Amino acid sequence: MQSPPRLLFILSLSLVTALSAAPEKWKASIDKFTAADAANPPPKGAVLFAGSSSIVRWTTLKADFPGKVILNRGFGGSELSDLLHYADRIVIPYAPSRIVIYSGENDLQQGQTAAAVHGTFRALCEQVHAALPATRVAFISIKPSPSRMKIMPAVLEANRLIAAECARDPRRVFIDVYPAMLGADGQPKRELFVTDMLHLSDAGYAVWRPRVAPFLE
């Protein structure tokens, strides 16, 4: 019989899944990844970057982290719940030594609560560590996008919950980029974003790079 805390977690995860965007809309993207993997199998033990458009658009990953074997499995517009759904296809089979995640912002934009995003992250870590107990997982904090200022209270709460989650397990790391993306006035630095004020500019990735690098060592 499940213990009460574990049962409550399973029930809350079921609610997250019920509320999340339909993951089947990403099937074609995932099929492309798995077809490419079948044709050219990636090496085990690589560094896997996964998540939404901020990962997809990080096209300089290999140059930014020289000497590392990098896999990019971002799919733009996706939610953290979608990554959880497809983890058995585009995360676990690679047996990565490290996983770097940027996701959750789209979940909040679509109305998910900070607690739901935290629950999804926790479920993803549990799934990964059940199969790959030695793999380390890093979560890049949800960024302060100027075009999404209405969700900033939820962003801050999700970041707080996930940071606390990571602090409970040495295999999990919270990479906090949020403060470095704010100016002296406490507002997001607009030069870190492209014209849509959502996606990162080169200057934005230049802020992320040195904060992610220590996790890869």
N, C-alpha and C. Protein backbone atom coordinates (compact mmCIF):
# COMPACT_ATOMS: atom_id res chain seq x y z
N MET A 1 0.84 -1.20 0.00
CA MET A 1 0.00 0.00 0.00
C MET A 1 0.88 1.25 0.00
N GLN A 2 0.52 2.25 -0.80
CA GLN A 2 1.29 3.47 -0.87
C GLN A 2 1.20 4.25 0.44
N SER A 3 2.31 4.86 0.86
CA SER A 3 2.27 5.73 2.03
C SER A 3 1.49 6.98 1.67
N PRO A 4 0.87 7.68 2.67
CA PRO A 4 0.07 8.87 2.37
C PRO A 4 0.81 9.94 1.58
N PRO A 5 2.08 10.32 1.93
CA PRO A 5 2.75 11.34 1.12
C PRO A 5 2.97 10.90 -0.31
N ARG A 6 3.36 9.63 -0.49
CA ARG A 6 3.59 9.14 -1.84
C ARG A 6 2.29 9.09 -2.62
N LEU A 7 1.21 8.70 -1.99
CA LEU A 7 -0.09 8.65 -2.64
C LEU A 7 -0.54 10.04 -3.07
N LEU A 8 -0.32 11.02 -2.19
CA LEU A 8 -0.70 12.39 -2.52
C LEU A 8 0.10 12.89 -3.71
N PHE A 9 1.40 12.53 -3.76
CA PHE A 9 2.24 12.94 -4.88
C PHE A 9 1.73 12.34 -6.19
N ILE A 10 1.37 11.05 -6.17
CA ILE A 10 0.87 10.39 -7.37
C ILE A 10 -0.43 11.04 -7.83
N LEU A 11 -1.30 11.36 -6.88
CA LEU A 11 -2.57 12.00 -7.23
C LEU A 11 -2.34 13.39 -7.82
N SER A 12 -1.39 14.15 -7.23
CA SER A 12 -1.12 15.48 -7.74
C SER A 12 -0.50 15.41 -9.14
N LEU A 13 0.35 14.41 -9.37
CA LEU A 13 0.95 14.23 -10.69
C LEU A 13 -0.13 13.89 -11.71
N SER A 14 -1.10 13.09 -11.32
CA SER A 14 -2.19 12.76 -12.23
C SER A 14 -2.95 14.01 -12.63
N LEU A 15 -3.12 14.94 -11.68
CA LEU A 15 -3.81 16.19 -11.98
C LEU A 15 -2.98 17.03 -12.94
N VAL A 16 -1.65 17.09 -12.72
CA VAL A 16 -0.78 17.83 -13.63
C VAL A 16 -0.92 17.29 -15.05
N THR A 17 -0.88 15.96 -15.18
CA THR A 17 -1.00 15.33 -16.49
C THR A 17 -2.33 15.67 -17.15
N ALA A 18 -3.39 15.67 -16.35
CA ALA A 18 -4.72 15.95 -16.90
C ALA A 18 -4.83 17.38 -17.41
N LEU A 19 -4.09 18.33 -16.73
CA LEU A 19 -4.20 19.73 -17.09
C LEU A 19 -3.22 20.14 -18.19
N SER A 20 -2.22 19.33 -18.44
CA SER A 20 -1.14 19.72 -19.35
C SER A 20 -1.60 19.70 -20.81
N ALA A 21 -0.81 20.41 -21.63
CA ALA A 21 -1.09 20.41 -23.06
C ALA A 21 -0.97 19.00 -23.60
N ALA A 22 -1.76 18.68 -24.62
CA ALA A 22 -1.74 17.33 -25.18
C ALA A 22 -0.37 17.03 -25.77
N PRO A 23 0.36 16.07 -25.21
CA PRO A 23 1.72 15.81 -25.68
C PRO A 23 1.78 15.21 -27.08
N GLU A 24 0.65 14.66 -27.57
CA GLU A 24 0.69 14.03 -28.89
C GLU A 24 1.00 15.02 -30.00
N LYS A 25 0.82 16.32 -29.75
CA LYS A 25 1.12 17.29 -30.80
C LYS A 25 2.62 17.38 -31.08
N TRP A 26 3.43 16.83 -30.18
CA TRP A 26 4.87 16.83 -30.37
C TRP A 26 5.38 15.51 -30.95
N LYS A 27 4.50 14.59 -31.26
CA LYS A 27 4.92 13.26 -31.69
C LYS A 27 5.83 13.31 -32.92
N ALA A 28 5.50 14.17 -33.90
CA ALA A 28 6.31 14.24 -35.11
C ALA A 28 7.73 14.71 -34.79
N SER A 29 7.85 15.67 -33.88
CA SER A 29 9.18 16.15 -33.49
C SER A 29 9.97 15.04 -32.79
N ILE A 30 9.31 14.32 -31.92
CA ILE A 30 9.98 13.24 -31.18
C ILE A 30 10.35 12.12 -32.14
N ASP A 31 9.47 11.83 -33.09
CA ASP A 31 9.76 10.79 -34.09
C ASP A 31 11.01 11.14 -34.89
N LYS A 32 11.21 12.43 -35.19
CA LYS A 32 12.41 12.84 -35.92
C LYS A 32 13.66 12.59 -35.10
N PHE A 33 13.59 12.88 -33.80
CA PHE A 33 14.73 12.61 -32.93
C PHE A 33 15.07 11.13 -32.92
N THR A 34 14.05 10.30 -32.72
CA THR A 34 14.32 8.87 -32.60
C THR A 34 14.76 8.26 -33.92
N ALA A 35 14.28 8.80 -35.04
CA ALA A 35 14.74 8.32 -36.35
C ALA A 35 16.21 8.68 -36.55
N ALA A 36 16.58 9.90 -36.16
CA ALA A 36 17.98 10.32 -36.27
C ALA A 36 18.86 9.50 -35.35
N ASP A 37 18.35 9.17 -34.18
CA ASP A 37 19.12 8.36 -33.22
C ASP A 37 19.34 6.95 -33.76
N ALA A 38 18.33 6.42 -34.44
CA ALA A 38 18.46 5.07 -35.00
C ALA A 38 19.50 5.04 -36.12
N ALA A 39 19.53 6.12 -36.91
CA ALA A 39 20.47 6.18 -38.02
C ALA A 39 21.90 6.46 -37.56
N ASN A 40 22.00 7.25 -36.49
CA ASN A 40 23.32 7.64 -35.97
C ASN A 40 23.25 7.67 -34.45
N PRO A 41 23.37 6.53 -33.78
CA PRO A 41 23.17 6.46 -32.33
C PRO A 41 24.12 7.39 -31.57
N PRO A 42 23.59 8.25 -30.71
CA PRO A 42 24.45 9.14 -29.92
C PRO A 42 25.23 8.32 -28.89
N PRO A 43 26.40 8.81 -28.49
CA PRO A 43 27.19 8.09 -27.49
C PRO A 43 26.55 8.18 -26.10
N LYS A 44 26.72 7.17 -25.31
CA LYS A 44 26.26 7.21 -23.92
C LYS A 44 27.16 8.17 -23.13
N GLY A 45 26.60 8.70 -22.06
CA GLY A 45 27.39 9.54 -21.17
C GLY A 45 27.57 10.97 -21.63
N ALA A 46 26.83 11.41 -22.64
CA ALA A 46 26.93 12.79 -23.13
C ALA A 46 26.23 13.74 -22.17
N VAL A 47 26.31 15.03 -22.49
CA VAL A 47 25.55 16.06 -21.77
C VAL A 47 24.31 16.36 -22.60
N LEU A 48 23.15 16.14 -22.02
CA LEU A 48 21.88 16.34 -22.71
C LEU A 48 21.25 17.66 -22.30
N PHE A 49 20.98 18.51 -23.28
CA PHE A 49 20.21 19.73 -23.06
C PHE A 49 18.79 19.45 -23.56
N ALA A 50 17.81 19.68 -22.72
CA ALA A 50 16.43 19.35 -23.07
C ALA A 50 15.49 20.45 -22.58
N GLY A 51 14.37 20.59 -23.28
CA GLY A 51 13.38 21.57 -22.86
C GLY A 51 12.73 22.28 -24.02
N SER A 52 12.42 23.54 -23.81
CA SER A 52 11.61 24.28 -24.77
C SER A 52 12.48 25.14 -25.69
N SER A 53 11.94 26.23 -26.23
CA SER A 53 12.60 26.97 -27.30
C SER A 53 13.92 27.59 -26.89
N SER A 54 14.11 27.89 -25.61
CA SER A 54 15.39 28.44 -25.17
C SER A 54 16.52 27.44 -25.35
N ILE A 55 16.19 26.16 -25.33
CA ILE A 55 17.17 25.11 -25.63
C ILE A 55 17.30 24.94 -27.14
N VAL A 56 16.18 24.90 -27.84
CA VAL A 56 16.22 24.76 -29.31
C VAL A 56 17.10 25.84 -29.93
N ARG A 57 16.94 27.07 -29.46
CA ARG A 57 17.62 28.22 -30.07
C ARG A 57 19.06 28.41 -29.57
N TRP A 58 19.49 27.58 -28.63
CA TRP A 58 20.87 27.67 -28.15
C TRP A 58 21.75 26.91 -29.14
N THR A 59 21.97 27.50 -30.28
CA THR A 59 22.64 26.83 -31.39
C THR A 59 24.16 26.79 -31.23
N THR A 60 24.69 27.51 -30.24
CA THR A 60 26.14 27.56 -30.04
C THR A 60 26.60 26.65 -28.91
N LEU A 61 25.77 25.70 -28.52
CA LEU A 61 26.09 24.86 -27.37
C LEU A 61 27.46 24.18 -27.49
N LYS A 62 27.74 23.60 -28.64
CA LYS A 62 29.01 22.86 -28.80
C LYS A 62 30.20 23.80 -28.72
N ALA A 63 30.06 25.01 -29.28
CA ALA A 63 31.15 25.99 -29.20
C ALA A 63 31.26 26.58 -27.80
N ASP A 64 30.13 26.72 -27.13
CA ASP A 64 30.14 27.30 -25.79
C ASP A 64 30.75 26.38 -24.75
N PHE A 65 30.64 25.07 -24.98
CA PHE A 65 31.16 24.10 -24.02
C PHE A 65 32.10 23.13 -24.74
N PRO A 66 33.25 23.62 -25.19
CA PRO A 66 34.18 22.79 -25.96
C PRO A 66 34.69 21.61 -25.12
N GLY A 67 34.92 20.52 -25.81
CA GLY A 67 35.42 19.33 -25.13
C GLY A 67 34.32 18.48 -24.54
N LYS A 68 33.07 18.92 -24.64
CA LYS A 68 31.94 18.16 -24.13
C LYS A 68 31.15 17.57 -25.30
N VAL A 69 30.65 16.37 -25.10
CA VAL A 69 29.76 15.77 -26.09
C VAL A 69 28.35 16.24 -25.74
N ILE A 70 27.77 17.04 -26.62
CA ILE A 70 26.49 17.71 -26.36
C ILE A 70 25.40 17.13 -27.25
N LEU A 71 24.25 16.86 -26.65
CA LEU A 71 23.03 16.51 -27.38
C LEU A 71 21.98 17.57 -27.10
N ASN A 72 21.37 18.11 -28.14
CA ASN A 72 20.29 19.08 -27.96
C ASN A 72 18.97 18.40 -28.34
N ARG A 73 18.11 18.26 -27.36
CA ARG A 73 16.80 17.66 -27.59
C ARG A 73 15.69 18.59 -27.12
N GLY A 74 15.86 19.87 -27.46
CA GLY A 74 14.80 20.82 -27.20
C GLY A 74 13.74 20.74 -28.27
N PHE A 75 12.49 20.99 -27.90
CA PHE A 75 11.43 21.11 -28.90
C PHE A 75 10.59 22.33 -28.54
N GLY A 76 10.67 23.33 -29.41
CA GLY A 76 10.15 24.66 -29.14
C GLY A 76 8.66 24.71 -28.88
N GLY A 77 8.29 25.48 -27.86
CA GLY A 77 6.88 25.61 -27.49
C GLY A 77 6.41 24.55 -26.53
N SER A 78 7.27 23.60 -26.23
CA SER A 78 6.86 22.49 -25.36
C SER A 78 6.79 22.93 -23.90
N GLU A 79 6.10 22.12 -23.13
CA GLU A 79 5.99 22.33 -21.69
C GLU A 79 6.81 21.27 -20.96
N LEU A 80 7.07 21.52 -19.69
CA LEU A 80 7.82 20.55 -18.89
C LEU A 80 7.07 19.22 -18.82
N SER A 81 5.75 19.29 -18.81
CA SER A 81 4.95 18.07 -18.80
C SER A 81 5.15 17.25 -20.08
N ASP A 82 5.44 17.93 -21.20
CA ASP A 82 5.72 17.21 -22.45
C ASP A 82 7.06 16.49 -22.35
N LEU A 83 8.04 17.13 -21.76
CA LEU A 83 9.35 16.48 -21.58
C LEU A 83 9.20 15.25 -20.70
N LEU A 84 8.42 15.37 -19.64
CA LEU A 84 8.15 14.21 -18.78
C LEU A 84 7.51 13.09 -19.58
N HIS A 85 6.56 13.43 -20.42
CA HIS A 85 5.84 12.42 -21.20
C HIS A 85 6.79 11.65 -22.13
N TYR A 86 7.75 12.37 -22.71
CA TYR A 86 8.63 11.75 -23.70
C TYR A 86 10.01 11.39 -23.15
N ALA A 87 10.18 11.43 -21.85
CA ALA A 87 11.49 11.15 -21.26
C ALA A 87 11.99 9.75 -21.60
N ASP A 88 11.07 8.81 -21.76
CA ASP A 88 11.49 7.44 -22.09
C ASP A 88 11.98 7.31 -23.52
N ARG A 89 11.81 8.37 -24.32
CA ARG A 89 12.27 8.34 -25.71
C ARG A 89 13.44 9.27 -25.98
N ILE A 90 13.47 10.44 -25.33
CA ILE A 90 14.52 11.42 -25.66
C ILE A 90 15.34 11.86 -24.46
N VAL A 91 15.29 11.11 -23.39
CA VAL A 91 16.14 11.39 -22.23
C VAL A 91 16.84 10.10 -21.79
N ILE A 92 16.08 9.17 -21.30
CA ILE A 92 16.64 7.98 -20.67
C ILE A 92 17.46 7.11 -21.64
N PRO A 93 17.03 6.91 -22.90
CA PRO A 93 17.82 6.03 -23.78
C PRO A 93 19.26 6.48 -24.00
N TYR A 94 19.55 7.77 -23.83
CA TYR A 94 20.89 8.27 -24.06
C TYR A 94 21.84 7.99 -22.89
N ALA A 95 21.27 7.63 -21.74
CA ALA A 95 22.07 7.44 -20.52
C ALA A 95 23.07 8.60 -20.35
N PRO A 96 22.58 9.84 -20.37
CA PRO A 96 23.50 10.97 -20.26
C PRO A 96 24.14 11.05 -18.88
N SER A 97 25.33 11.59 -18.81
CA SER A 97 25.97 11.79 -17.52
C SER A 97 25.35 12.99 -16.80
N ARG A 98 24.92 13.96 -17.61
CA ARG A 98 24.30 15.17 -17.07
C ARG A 98 23.15 15.59 -17.98
N ILE A 99 22.13 16.16 -17.36
CA ILE A 99 20.98 16.68 -18.11
C ILE A 99 20.78 18.13 -17.68
N VAL A 100 20.68 19.03 -18.65
CA VAL A 100 20.41 20.44 -18.38
C VAL A 100 19.03 20.76 -18.96
N ILE A 101 18.14 21.24 -18.12
CA ILE A 101 16.75 21.48 -18.51
C ILE A 101 16.43 22.97 -18.45
N TYR A 102 15.83 23.49 -19.51
CA TYR A 102 15.12 24.76 -19.41
C TYR A 102 13.70 24.50 -19.89
N SER A 103 12.76 24.59 -18.98
CA SER A 103 11.36 24.37 -19.31
C SER A 103 10.53 24.83 -18.12
N GLY A 104 9.21 24.85 -18.31
CA GLY A 104 8.31 25.26 -17.24
C GLY A 104 7.67 26.61 -17.47
N GLU A 105 8.35 27.47 -18.23
CA GLU A 105 7.80 28.80 -18.49
C GLU A 105 6.52 28.71 -19.30
N ASN A 106 6.50 27.84 -20.31
CA ASN A 106 5.28 27.69 -21.11
C ASN A 106 4.15 27.09 -20.30
N ASP A 107 4.47 26.19 -19.37
CA ASP A 107 3.45 25.61 -18.50
C ASP A 107 2.75 26.72 -17.71
N LEU A 108 3.55 27.63 -17.13
CA LEU A 108 2.98 28.73 -16.35
C LEU A 108 2.17 29.67 -17.23
N GLN A 109 2.66 29.94 -18.43
CA GLN A 109 1.94 30.81 -19.36
C GLN A 109 0.59 30.21 -19.73
N GLN A 110 0.51 28.88 -19.78
CA GLN A 110 -0.74 28.20 -20.12
C GLN A 110 -1.65 27.99 -18.92
N GLY A 111 -1.28 28.51 -17.77
CA GLY A 111 -2.16 28.47 -16.62
C GLY A 111 -1.82 27.46 -15.55
N GLN A 112 -0.73 26.70 -15.75
CA GLN A 112 -0.30 25.78 -14.70
C GLN A 112 0.15 26.57 -13.48
N THR A 113 0.01 25.99 -12.31
CA THR A 113 0.48 26.64 -11.09
C THR A 113 1.95 26.33 -10.88
N ALA A 114 2.57 27.13 -10.04
CA ALA A 114 3.97 26.87 -9.68
C ALA A 114 4.11 25.50 -9.02
N ALA A 115 3.15 25.14 -8.19
CA ALA A 115 3.19 23.83 -7.54
C ALA A 115 3.12 22.70 -8.55
N ALA A 116 2.33 22.89 -9.61
CA ALA A 116 2.22 21.86 -10.64
C ALA A 116 3.53 21.70 -11.40
N VAL A 117 4.18 22.82 -11.72
CA VAL A 117 5.46 22.76 -12.41
C VAL A 117 6.51 22.07 -11.53
N HIS A 118 6.50 22.42 -10.26
CA HIS A 118 7.41 21.74 -9.32
C HIS A 118 7.13 20.24 -9.28
N GLY A 119 5.87 19.87 -9.25
CA GLY A 119 5.51 18.45 -9.22
C GLY A 119 5.97 17.72 -10.48
N THR A 120 5.86 18.39 -11.62
CA THR A 120 6.32 17.78 -12.87
C THR A 120 7.83 17.59 -12.86
N PHE A 121 8.56 18.59 -12.38
CA PHE A 121 10.01 18.47 -12.29
C PHE A 121 10.39 17.32 -11.35
N ARG A 122 9.74 17.24 -10.24
CA ARG A 122 10.03 16.16 -9.29
C ARG A 122 9.77 14.80 -9.93
N ALA A 123 8.67 14.68 -10.65
CA ALA A 123 8.33 13.41 -11.30
C ALA A 123 9.37 13.06 -12.36
N LEU A 124 9.83 14.06 -13.11
CA LEU A 124 10.84 13.82 -14.13
C LEU A 124 12.14 13.33 -13.49
N CYS A 125 12.55 13.97 -12.41
CA CYS A 125 13.77 13.53 -11.72
C CYS A 125 13.62 12.11 -11.19
N GLU A 126 12.47 11.79 -10.64
CA GLU A 126 12.26 10.44 -10.12
C GLU A 126 12.33 9.41 -11.24
N GLN A 127 11.77 9.75 -12.40
CA GLN A 127 11.82 8.83 -13.53
C GLN A 127 13.26 8.64 -14.02
N VAL A 128 13.99 9.74 -14.13
CA VAL A 128 15.38 9.67 -14.57
C VAL A 128 16.22 8.86 -13.59
N HIS A 129 16.08 9.15 -12.31
CA HIS A 129 16.95 8.52 -11.32
C HIS A 129 16.55 7.07 -11.03
N ALA A 130 15.34 6.70 -11.35
CA ALA A 130 14.97 5.29 -11.24
C ALA A 130 15.72 4.46 -12.29
N ALA A 131 15.93 5.05 -13.46
CA ALA A 131 16.62 4.34 -14.55
C ALA A 131 18.12 4.62 -14.56
N LEU A 132 18.49 5.85 -14.17
CA LEU A 132 19.89 6.30 -14.26
C LEU A 132 20.29 6.96 -12.93
N PRO A 133 20.53 6.16 -11.92
CA PRO A 133 20.74 6.72 -10.58
C PRO A 133 21.95 7.64 -10.45
N ALA A 134 22.94 7.52 -11.35
CA ALA A 134 24.14 8.35 -11.24
C ALA A 134 24.07 9.63 -12.06
N THR A 135 23.04 9.79 -12.86
CA THR A 135 22.92 10.97 -13.73
C THR A 135 22.57 12.20 -12.91
N ARG A 136 23.25 13.30 -13.18
CA ARG A 136 22.96 14.57 -12.50
C ARG A 136 22.02 15.40 -13.38
N VAL A 137 21.10 16.09 -12.73
CA VAL A 137 20.08 16.87 -13.44
C VAL A 137 20.16 18.32 -12.98
N ALA A 138 20.29 19.24 -13.91
CA ALA A 138 20.27 20.67 -13.59
C ALA A 138 19.04 21.32 -14.19
N PHE A 139 18.46 22.22 -13.43
CA PHE A 139 17.31 23.00 -13.90
C PHE A 139 17.72 24.46 -13.96
N ILE A 140 17.72 25.04 -15.15
CA ILE A 140 17.97 26.47 -15.30
C ILE A 140 16.71 27.21 -14.88
N SER A 141 16.87 28.14 -13.95
CA SER A 141 15.70 28.85 -13.43
C SER A 141 14.89 29.48 -14.54
N ILE A 142 13.59 29.54 -14.34
CA ILE A 142 12.71 30.18 -15.32
C ILE A 142 13.07 31.66 -15.39
N LYS A 143 13.22 32.16 -16.58
CA LYS A 143 13.74 33.51 -16.81
C LYS A 143 12.66 34.59 -16.69
N PRO A 144 13.08 35.83 -16.48
CA PRO A 144 12.12 36.96 -16.40
C PRO A 144 11.86 37.56 -17.78
N SER A 145 11.03 36.92 -18.56
CA SER A 145 10.76 37.40 -19.92
C SER A 145 9.90 38.67 -19.87
N PRO A 146 10.35 39.78 -20.48
CA PRO A 146 9.57 41.01 -20.44
C PRO A 146 8.16 40.87 -21.00
N SER A 147 7.97 39.97 -21.97
CA SER A 147 6.64 39.81 -22.57
C SER A 147 5.70 39.00 -21.68
N ARG A 148 6.22 38.47 -20.58
CA ARG A 148 5.38 37.62 -19.71
C ARG A 148 5.43 38.09 -18.25
N MET A 149 5.46 39.38 -18.06
CA MET A 149 5.58 39.92 -16.72
C MET A 149 4.39 39.55 -15.83
N LYS A 150 3.24 39.27 -16.45
CA LYS A 150 2.06 38.92 -15.66
C LYS A 150 2.25 37.61 -14.88
N ILE A 151 3.12 36.74 -15.37
CA ILE A 151 3.30 35.46 -14.67
C ILE A 151 4.50 35.47 -13.76
N MET A 152 5.15 36.63 -13.56
CA MET A 152 6.36 36.65 -12.74
C MET A 152 6.16 36.17 -11.31
N PRO A 153 5.04 36.44 -10.66
CA PRO A 153 4.86 35.85 -9.32
C PRO A 153 4.90 34.33 -9.34
N ALA A 154 4.28 33.74 -10.36
CA ALA A 154 4.31 32.27 -10.49
C ALA A 154 5.71 31.79 -10.84
N VAL A 155 6.43 32.55 -11.67
CA VAL A 155 7.80 32.20 -12.03
C VAL A 155 8.67 32.16 -10.78
N LEU A 156 8.58 33.18 -9.96
CA LEU A 156 9.39 33.24 -8.74
C LEU A 156 9.05 32.10 -7.79
N GLU A 157 7.77 31.78 -7.67
CA GLU A 157 7.36 30.69 -6.79
C GLU A 157 7.82 29.35 -7.32
N ALA A 158 7.70 29.13 -8.63
CA ALA A 158 8.18 27.87 -9.22
C ALA A 158 9.68 27.73 -9.02
N ASN A 159 10.42 28.82 -9.25
CA ASN A 159 11.86 28.77 -9.03
C ASN A 159 12.19 28.44 -7.58
N ARG A 160 11.46 29.04 -6.65
CA ARG A 160 11.72 28.77 -5.22
C ARG A 160 11.47 27.30 -4.89
N LEU A 161 10.37 26.76 -5.37
CA LEU A 161 10.03 25.37 -5.08
C LEU A 161 11.03 24.40 -5.70
N ILE A 162 11.44 24.68 -6.93
CA ILE A 162 12.37 23.77 -7.60
C ILE A 162 13.76 23.88 -6.99
N ALA A 163 14.17 25.08 -6.58
CA ALA A 163 15.45 25.23 -5.90
C ALA A 163 15.48 24.41 -4.62
N ALA A 164 14.37 24.45 -3.88
CA ALA A 164 14.29 23.67 -2.64
C ALA A 164 14.30 22.18 -2.93
N GLU A 165 13.65 21.77 -4.01
CA GLU A 165 13.65 20.36 -4.43
C GLU A 165 15.07 19.91 -4.74
N CYS A 166 15.80 20.72 -5.47
CA CYS A 166 17.18 20.36 -5.83
C CYS A 166 18.07 20.28 -4.60
N ALA A 167 17.82 21.12 -3.63
CA ALA A 167 18.65 21.14 -2.43
C ALA A 167 18.54 19.85 -1.63
N ARG A 168 17.48 19.08 -1.88
CA ARG A 168 17.27 17.83 -1.13
C ARG A 168 18.02 16.64 -1.71
N ASP A 169 18.62 16.80 -2.90
CA ASP A 169 19.29 15.66 -3.54
C ASP A 169 20.54 16.18 -4.24
N PRO A 170 21.73 15.70 -3.88
CA PRO A 170 22.97 16.21 -4.48
C PRO A 170 23.09 15.94 -5.98
N ARG A 171 22.24 15.08 -6.52
CA ARG A 171 22.26 14.82 -7.95
C ARG A 171 21.49 15.87 -8.74
N ARG A 172 20.82 16.77 -8.04
CA ARG A 172 19.99 17.78 -8.68
C ARG A 172 20.55 19.16 -8.37
N VAL A 173 20.63 20.01 -9.38
CA VAL A 173 21.24 21.33 -9.24
C VAL A 173 20.31 22.39 -9.81
N PHE A 174 20.14 23.45 -9.06
CA PHE A 174 19.35 24.59 -9.52
C PHE A 174 20.31 25.67 -9.98
N ILE A 175 20.25 26.04 -11.26
CA ILE A 175 21.12 27.08 -11.81
C ILE A 175 20.30 28.36 -11.91
N ASP A 176 20.58 29.29 -11.03
CA ASP A 176 19.75 30.49 -10.92
C ASP A 176 20.28 31.61 -11.81
N VAL A 177 19.66 31.77 -12.97
CA VAL A 177 20.04 32.84 -13.89
C VAL A 177 19.17 34.09 -13.72
N TYR A 178 18.09 33.96 -12.96
CA TYR A 178 17.10 35.04 -12.85
C TYR A 178 17.71 36.37 -12.39
N PRO A 179 18.45 36.40 -11.26
CA PRO A 179 18.96 37.70 -10.78
C PRO A 179 19.90 38.37 -11.78
N ALA A 180 20.70 37.58 -12.49
CA ALA A 180 21.67 38.15 -13.43
C ALA A 180 20.99 38.75 -14.65
N MET A 181 19.71 38.45 -14.85
CA MET A 181 18.99 38.97 -16.00
C MET A 181 18.20 40.23 -15.68
N LEU A 182 18.39 40.75 -14.46
CA LEU A 182 17.71 41.97 -14.03
C LEU A 182 18.69 43.13 -13.99
N GLY A 183 18.18 44.32 -14.29
CA GLY A 183 18.99 45.52 -14.19
C GLY A 183 18.96 46.09 -12.79
N ALA A 184 19.62 47.23 -12.61
CA ALA A 184 19.66 47.89 -11.31
C ALA A 184 18.28 48.31 -10.84
N ASP A 185 17.35 48.48 -11.79
CA ASP A 185 15.98 48.88 -11.44
C ASP A 185 15.10 47.69 -11.08
N GLY A 186 15.68 46.49 -11.11
CA GLY A 186 14.90 45.29 -10.78
C GLY A 186 14.08 44.76 -11.93
N GLN A 187 14.19 45.38 -13.10
CA GLN A 187 13.44 44.95 -14.27
C GLN A 187 14.34 44.13 -15.20
N PRO A 188 13.74 43.26 -16.03
CA PRO A 188 14.55 42.47 -16.95
C PRO A 188 15.36 43.37 -17.89
N LYS A 189 16.60 42.96 -18.14
CA LYS A 189 17.44 43.67 -19.10
C LYS A 189 16.95 43.33 -20.51
N ARG A 190 16.43 44.30 -21.19
CA ARG A 190 15.81 44.04 -22.48
C ARG A 190 16.82 43.62 -23.55
N GLU A 191 18.07 44.01 -23.37
CA GLU A 191 19.08 43.62 -24.35
C GLU A 191 19.40 42.13 -24.32
N LEU A 192 18.92 41.43 -23.30
CA LEU A 192 19.15 39.99 -23.21
C LEU A 192 18.12 39.19 -24.01
N PHE A 193 17.20 39.91 -24.66
CA PHE A 193 16.12 39.27 -25.41
C PHE A 193 16.09 39.80 -26.84
N VAL A 194 15.55 38.99 -27.74
CA VAL A 194 15.32 39.46 -29.11
C VAL A 194 14.05 40.30 -29.12
N THR A 195 13.62 40.74 -30.29
CA THR A 195 12.55 41.73 -30.37
C THR A 195 11.22 41.25 -29.78
N ASP A 196 11.00 39.93 -29.71
CA ASP A 196 9.74 39.46 -29.14
C ASP A 196 9.73 39.54 -27.63
N MET A 197 10.85 39.90 -27.03
CA MET A 197 10.98 40.02 -25.58
C MET A 197 10.63 38.72 -24.84
N LEU A 198 10.84 37.61 -25.56
CA LEU A 198 10.60 36.29 -24.98
C LEU A 198 11.83 35.40 -25.13
N HIS A 199 12.36 35.35 -26.35
CA HIS A 199 13.51 34.49 -26.62
C HIS A 199 14.81 35.25 -26.39
N LEU A 200 15.84 34.49 -26.06
CA LEU A 200 17.12 35.11 -25.70
C LEU A 200 17.90 35.60 -26.92
N SER A 201 18.60 36.70 -26.72
CA SER A 201 19.57 37.20 -27.69
C SER A 201 20.92 36.54 -27.40
N ASP A 202 21.91 36.82 -28.22
CA ASP A 202 23.26 36.32 -27.95
C ASP A 202 23.73 36.78 -26.57
N ALA A 203 23.38 38.00 -26.22
CA ALA A 203 23.77 38.53 -24.91
C ALA A 203 23.10 37.75 -23.78
N GLY A 204 21.89 37.28 -24.01
CA GLY A 204 21.19 36.46 -23.01
C GLY A 204 21.90 35.14 -22.79
N TYR A 205 22.28 34.49 -23.88
CA TYR A 205 23.01 33.22 -23.73
C TYR A 205 24.38 33.45 -23.11
N ALA A 206 24.95 34.63 -23.33
CA ALA A 206 26.24 34.94 -22.71
C ALA A 206 26.11 35.04 -21.19
N VAL A 207 24.92 35.39 -20.71
CA VAL A 207 24.66 35.38 -19.26
C VAL A 207 24.51 33.95 -18.75
N TRP A 208 23.85 33.11 -19.51
CA TRP A 208 23.62 31.72 -19.10
C TRP A 208 24.89 30.88 -19.10
N ARG A 209 25.73 31.09 -20.12
CA ARG A 209 26.87 30.20 -20.37
C ARG A 209 27.76 29.99 -19.13
N PRO A 210 28.25 31.06 -18.49
CA PRO A 210 29.16 30.83 -17.36
C PRO A 210 28.48 30.26 -16.12
N ARG A 211 27.17 30.34 -16.09
CA ARG A 211 26.44 29.80 -14.93
C ARG A 211 26.14 28.31 -15.12
N VAL A 212 26.06 27.89 -16.38
CA VAL A 212 25.85 26.47 -16.66
C VAL A 212 27.17 25.71 -16.66
N ALA A 213 28.24 26.36 -17.08
CA ALA A 213 29.53 25.68 -17.28
C ALA A 213 30.02 24.88 -16.07
N PRO A 214 29.94 25.40 -14.84
CA PRO A 214 30.44 24.61 -13.70
C PRO A 214 29.74 23.28 -13.51
N PHE A 215 28.47 23.20 -13.91
CA PHE A 215 27.72 21.94 -13.78
C PHE A 215 28.26 20.87 -14.71
N LEU A 216 28.90 21.27 -15.81
CA LEU A 216 29.39 20.30 -16.80
C LEU A 216 30.76 19.74 -16.44
N GLU A 217 31.40 20.33 -15.43
CA GLU A 217 32.74 19.87 -15.06
C GLU A 217 32.68 18.66 -14.14
